[in-house]
Amino acid sequence: MTKPLVLVATIQARPGHEDSVGSALQALVEPTLAEAGCRQYDLHADLHTPGLFLFYEIWSTRADWEAHNGSEHIASMLRETQGLIEDPIISQLERI
């Protein structure tokens, strides 16, 4: 059996864009949870760093995650936040 793919995506909004980036990220949650293979997709905001967001994701397979990355709601968020975020950090994890 294939192990699920666990990811942590860290996204930092540029100063002054915290609310708009947060709204764009929140809009991803509902459609993503409806995607095939999405087991968990939780958005968090850092309590001490304004505009720092973290997604905790679990996908059944890498192919499911790759399909998610090609989805229209991801493309829309990327257009909406272009120039408003630093380069995201995406960590791929394995439970040990």
N, C-alpha and C. Protein backbone atom coordinates (compact mmCIF):
# COMPACT_ATOMS: atom_id res chain seq x y z
N MET A 1 0.84 -1.19 0.00
CA MET A 1 0.00 0.00 0.00
C MET A 1 0.89 1.24 0.00
N THR A 2 0.53 2.22 -0.79
CA THR A 2 1.27 3.47 -0.89
C THR A 2 1.02 4.32 0.35
N LYS A 3 2.11 4.89 0.87
CA LYS A 3 1.97 5.80 2.01
C LYS A 3 1.36 7.11 1.52
N PRO A 4 0.54 7.73 2.34
CA PRO A 4 0.01 9.04 1.95
C PRO A 4 1.13 10.08 1.90
N LEU A 5 0.91 11.10 1.11
CA LEU A 5 1.84 12.21 0.99
C LEU A 5 1.41 13.30 1.98
N VAL A 6 2.32 13.66 2.87
CA VAL A 6 2.05 14.69 3.87
C VAL A 6 2.89 15.91 3.50
N LEU A 7 2.24 17.07 3.51
CA LEU A 7 2.92 18.31 3.13
C LEU A 7 2.64 19.40 4.15
N VAL A 8 3.62 20.27 4.29
CA VAL A 8 3.43 21.53 5.01
C VAL A 8 3.85 22.62 4.05
N ALA A 9 2.92 23.49 3.72
CA ALA A 9 3.19 24.62 2.83
C ALA A 9 3.19 25.89 3.67
N THR A 10 4.30 26.60 3.66
CA THR A 10 4.44 27.84 4.43
C THR A 10 4.43 29.01 3.46
N ILE A 11 3.53 29.95 3.71
CA ILE A 11 3.32 31.08 2.80
C ILE A 11 3.39 32.36 3.61
N GLN A 12 4.26 33.27 3.17
CA GLN A 12 4.41 34.56 3.84
C GLN A 12 3.90 35.67 2.93
N ALA A 13 2.89 36.39 3.41
CA ALA A 13 2.38 37.55 2.67
C ALA A 13 3.37 38.70 2.81
N ARG A 14 3.50 39.47 1.77
CA ARG A 14 4.33 40.67 1.85
C ARG A 14 3.59 41.70 2.72
N PRO A 15 4.35 42.56 3.41
CA PRO A 15 3.73 43.55 4.30
C PRO A 15 2.64 44.36 3.59
N GLY A 16 1.54 44.52 4.29
CA GLY A 16 0.41 45.27 3.76
C GLY A 16 -0.59 44.42 2.99
N HIS A 17 -0.26 43.15 2.75
CA HIS A 17 -1.13 42.28 1.95
C HIS A 17 -1.63 41.07 2.74
N GLU A 18 -1.49 41.13 4.05
CA GLU A 18 -1.84 39.99 4.90
C GLU A 18 -3.30 39.57 4.74
N ASP A 19 -4.22 40.53 4.74
CA ASP A 19 -5.64 40.20 4.67
C ASP A 19 -6.03 39.63 3.31
N SER A 20 -5.55 40.22 2.23
CA SER A 20 -5.92 39.73 0.91
C SER A 20 -5.33 38.35 0.65
N VAL A 21 -4.11 38.11 1.09
CA VAL A 21 -3.52 36.77 0.93
C VAL A 21 -4.28 35.77 1.78
N GLY A 22 -4.59 36.14 3.01
CA GLY A 22 -5.35 35.24 3.89
C GLY A 22 -6.69 34.87 3.29
N SER A 23 -7.38 35.83 2.71
CA SER A 23 -8.68 35.55 2.07
C SER A 23 -8.52 34.62 0.88
N ALA A 24 -7.49 34.86 0.07
CA ALA A 24 -7.26 34.01 -1.11
C ALA A 24 -6.94 32.58 -0.69
N LEU A 25 -6.18 32.42 0.38
CA LEU A 25 -5.85 31.08 0.86
C LEU A 25 -7.07 30.39 1.47
N GLN A 26 -7.87 31.13 2.21
CA GLN A 26 -9.09 30.56 2.79
C GLN A 26 -10.03 30.05 1.71
N ALA A 27 -10.05 30.73 0.57
CA ALA A 27 -10.94 30.32 -0.53
C ALA A 27 -10.53 28.98 -1.13
N LEU A 28 -9.32 28.52 -0.86
CA LEU A 28 -8.86 27.23 -1.38
C LEU A 28 -9.41 26.04 -0.60
N VAL A 29 -9.75 26.25 0.65
CA VAL A 29 -10.04 25.12 1.55
C VAL A 29 -11.23 24.29 1.07
N GLU A 30 -12.37 24.91 0.85
CA GLU A 30 -13.56 24.14 0.49
C GLU A 30 -13.40 23.35 -0.82
N PRO A 31 -12.97 23.98 -1.92
CA PRO A 31 -12.84 23.19 -3.14
C PRO A 31 -11.75 22.12 -3.05
N THR A 32 -10.72 22.39 -2.29
CA THR A 32 -9.65 21.40 -2.16
C THR A 32 -10.12 20.19 -1.39
N LEU A 33 -10.87 20.39 -0.33
CA LEU A 33 -11.38 19.26 0.45
C LEU A 33 -12.29 18.36 -0.37
N ALA A 34 -12.87 18.88 -1.44
CA ALA A 34 -13.75 18.09 -2.32
C ALA A 34 -12.96 17.32 -3.38
N GLU A 35 -11.66 17.56 -3.48
CA GLU A 35 -10.86 16.92 -4.51
C GLU A 35 -10.60 15.44 -4.18
N ALA A 36 -10.43 14.66 -5.24
CA ALA A 36 -10.08 13.25 -5.08
C ALA A 36 -8.73 13.15 -4.38
N GLY A 37 -8.66 12.29 -3.39
CA GLY A 37 -7.40 12.03 -2.71
C GLY A 37 -7.04 12.99 -1.60
N CYS A 38 -7.82 14.04 -1.41
CA CYS A 38 -7.52 14.98 -0.32
C CYS A 38 -8.06 14.41 0.99
N ARG A 39 -7.16 14.09 1.88
CA ARG A 39 -7.54 13.54 3.18
C ARG A 39 -7.62 14.62 4.25
N GLN A 40 -6.75 15.62 4.13
CA GLN A 40 -6.73 16.70 5.11
C GLN A 40 -6.13 17.93 4.45
N TYR A 41 -6.70 19.09 4.75
CA TYR A 41 -6.22 20.34 4.16
C TYR A 41 -6.58 21.45 5.15
N ASP A 42 -5.68 21.69 6.08
CA ASP A 42 -5.92 22.63 7.17
C ASP A 42 -5.07 23.88 6.98
N LEU A 43 -5.71 25.04 7.06
CA LEU A 43 -5.02 26.32 6.96
C LEU A 43 -4.86 26.91 8.36
N HIS A 44 -3.65 27.37 8.65
CA HIS A 44 -3.35 27.98 9.94
C HIS A 44 -2.70 29.34 9.71
N ALA A 45 -2.90 30.24 10.67
CA ALA A 45 -2.22 31.54 10.66
C ALA A 45 -1.32 31.60 11.89
N ASP A 46 -0.10 32.05 11.71
CA ASP A 46 0.84 32.16 12.81
C ASP A 46 0.35 33.23 13.79
N LEU A 47 0.41 32.93 15.07
CA LEU A 47 -0.07 33.86 16.09
C LEU A 47 0.88 35.02 16.34
N HIS A 48 2.14 34.87 15.95
CA HIS A 48 3.13 35.89 16.27
C HIS A 48 3.72 36.59 15.05
N THR A 49 3.49 36.06 13.86
CA THR A 49 4.05 36.66 12.65
C THR A 49 2.91 37.02 11.70
N PRO A 50 2.59 38.30 11.58
CA PRO A 50 1.50 38.69 10.69
C PRO A 50 1.75 38.23 9.26
N GLY A 51 0.72 37.68 8.65
CA GLY A 51 0.80 37.28 7.25
C GLY A 51 1.51 35.97 7.00
N LEU A 52 1.84 35.23 8.05
CA LEU A 52 2.48 33.93 7.88
C LEU A 52 1.40 32.85 8.00
N PHE A 53 1.24 32.08 6.92
CA PHE A 53 0.20 31.05 6.86
C PHE A 53 0.85 29.69 6.61
N LEU A 54 0.17 28.66 7.09
CA LEU A 54 0.68 27.31 6.94
C LEU A 54 -0.48 26.38 6.58
N PHE A 55 -0.29 25.61 5.53
CA PHE A 55 -1.23 24.54 5.19
C PHE A 55 -0.62 23.22 5.67
N TYR A 56 -1.42 22.41 6.34
CA TYR A 56 -1.06 21.04 6.66
C TYR A 56 -1.94 20.17 5.78
N GLU A 57 -1.31 19.38 4.91
CA GLU A 57 -2.04 18.63 3.89
C GLU A 57 -1.69 17.15 3.96
N ILE A 58 -2.69 16.32 3.72
CA ILE A 58 -2.45 14.89 3.54
C ILE A 58 -3.19 14.47 2.28
N TRP A 59 -2.45 13.85 1.36
CA TRP A 59 -2.98 13.39 0.08
C TRP A 59 -2.80 11.88 -0.02
N SER A 60 -3.75 11.21 -0.62
CA SER A 60 -3.67 9.76 -0.78
C SER A 60 -2.47 9.37 -1.63
N THR A 61 -2.21 10.13 -2.69
CA THR A 61 -1.09 9.84 -3.57
C THR A 61 -0.45 11.14 -4.06
N ARG A 62 0.76 11.03 -4.54
CA ARG A 62 1.44 12.19 -5.15
C ARG A 62 0.65 12.68 -6.37
N ALA A 63 0.08 11.74 -7.14
CA ALA A 63 -0.70 12.12 -8.32
C ALA A 63 -1.90 12.98 -7.93
N ASP A 64 -2.54 12.68 -6.80
CA ASP A 64 -3.67 13.49 -6.34
C ASP A 64 -3.21 14.91 -6.02
N TRP A 65 -2.06 15.03 -5.37
CA TRP A 65 -1.53 16.35 -5.04
C TRP A 65 -1.15 17.11 -6.31
N GLU A 66 -0.54 16.41 -7.26
CA GLU A 66 -0.17 17.06 -8.51
C GLU A 66 -1.40 17.54 -9.28
N ALA A 67 -2.48 16.76 -9.25
CA ALA A 67 -3.74 17.20 -9.87
C ALA A 67 -4.26 18.45 -9.17
N HIS A 68 -4.15 18.48 -7.86
CA HIS A 68 -4.56 19.66 -7.07
C HIS A 68 -3.78 20.89 -7.53
N ASN A 69 -2.48 20.73 -7.73
CA ASN A 69 -1.65 21.86 -8.15
C ASN A 69 -2.04 22.38 -9.53
N GLY A 70 -2.68 21.54 -10.34
CA GLY A 70 -3.13 21.96 -11.66
C GLY A 70 -4.58 22.41 -11.69
N SER A 71 -5.21 22.49 -10.53
CA SER A 71 -6.64 22.84 -10.47
C SER A 71 -6.87 24.33 -10.76
N GLU A 72 -8.07 24.64 -11.16
CA GLU A 72 -8.42 26.03 -11.45
C GLU A 72 -8.38 26.90 -10.19
N HIS A 73 -8.78 26.35 -9.03
CA HIS A 73 -8.76 27.19 -7.83
C HIS A 73 -7.33 27.53 -7.39
N ILE A 74 -6.38 26.64 -7.64
CA ILE A 74 -4.98 26.99 -7.36
C ILE A 74 -4.50 28.05 -8.36
N ALA A 75 -4.82 27.87 -9.63
CA ALA A 75 -4.43 28.85 -10.64
C ALA A 75 -5.02 30.23 -10.33
N SER A 76 -6.26 30.25 -9.91
CA SER A 76 -6.92 31.51 -9.57
C SER A 76 -6.24 32.18 -8.38
N MET A 77 -5.91 31.41 -7.35
CA MET A 77 -5.22 31.97 -6.18
C MET A 77 -3.86 32.52 -6.57
N LEU A 78 -3.13 31.81 -7.43
CA LEU A 78 -1.82 32.29 -7.86
C LEU A 78 -1.92 33.60 -8.63
N ARG A 79 -2.95 33.73 -9.48
CA ARG A 79 -3.15 35.00 -10.19
C ARG A 79 -3.49 36.11 -9.21
N GLU A 80 -4.36 35.81 -8.26
CA GLU A 80 -4.84 36.80 -7.30
C GLU A 80 -3.74 37.28 -6.36
N THR A 81 -2.78 36.42 -6.04
CA THR A 81 -1.74 36.77 -5.08
C THR A 81 -0.39 37.06 -5.74
N GLN A 82 -0.36 37.14 -7.05
CA GLN A 82 0.91 37.39 -7.75
C GLN A 82 1.54 38.68 -7.23
N GLY A 83 2.78 38.58 -6.79
CA GLY A 83 3.50 39.73 -6.26
C GLY A 83 3.18 40.06 -4.82
N LEU A 84 2.23 39.33 -4.20
CA LEU A 84 1.81 39.62 -2.83
C LEU A 84 2.40 38.67 -1.80
N ILE A 85 3.06 37.60 -2.27
CA ILE A 85 3.62 36.61 -1.35
C ILE A 85 5.09 36.36 -1.69
N GLU A 86 5.82 35.95 -0.66
CA GLU A 86 7.19 35.49 -0.85
C GLU A 86 7.12 34.10 -1.47
N ASP A 87 8.24 33.57 -1.93
CA ASP A 87 8.25 32.21 -2.46
C ASP A 87 7.82 31.25 -1.36
N PRO A 88 6.78 30.44 -1.61
CA PRO A 88 6.34 29.50 -0.58
C PRO A 88 7.38 28.40 -0.36
N ILE A 89 7.35 27.86 0.83
CA ILE A 89 8.18 26.72 1.18
C ILE A 89 7.26 25.52 1.33
N ILE A 90 7.50 24.48 0.54
CA ILE A 90 6.66 23.29 0.60
C ILE A 90 7.53 22.13 1.05
N SER A 91 7.24 21.63 2.25
CA SER A 91 7.97 20.51 2.80
C SER A 91 7.15 19.24 2.62
N GLN A 92 7.77 18.23 2.04
CA GLN A 92 7.14 16.93 1.87
C GLN A 92 7.64 16.03 2.99
N LEU A 93 6.72 15.43 3.73
CA LEU A 93 7.06 14.72 4.94
C LEU A 93 6.63 13.27 4.89
N GLU A 94 7.30 12.48 5.71
CA GLU A 94 6.92 11.09 5.87
C GLU A 94 6.88 10.79 7.36
N ARG A 95 5.79 10.18 7.80
CA ARG A 95 5.66 9.83 9.21
C ARG A 95 6.68 8.75 9.57
N ILE A 96 7.35 8.94 10.72
CA ILE A 96 8.33 7.93 11.15
C ILE A 96 7.99 7.43 12.53
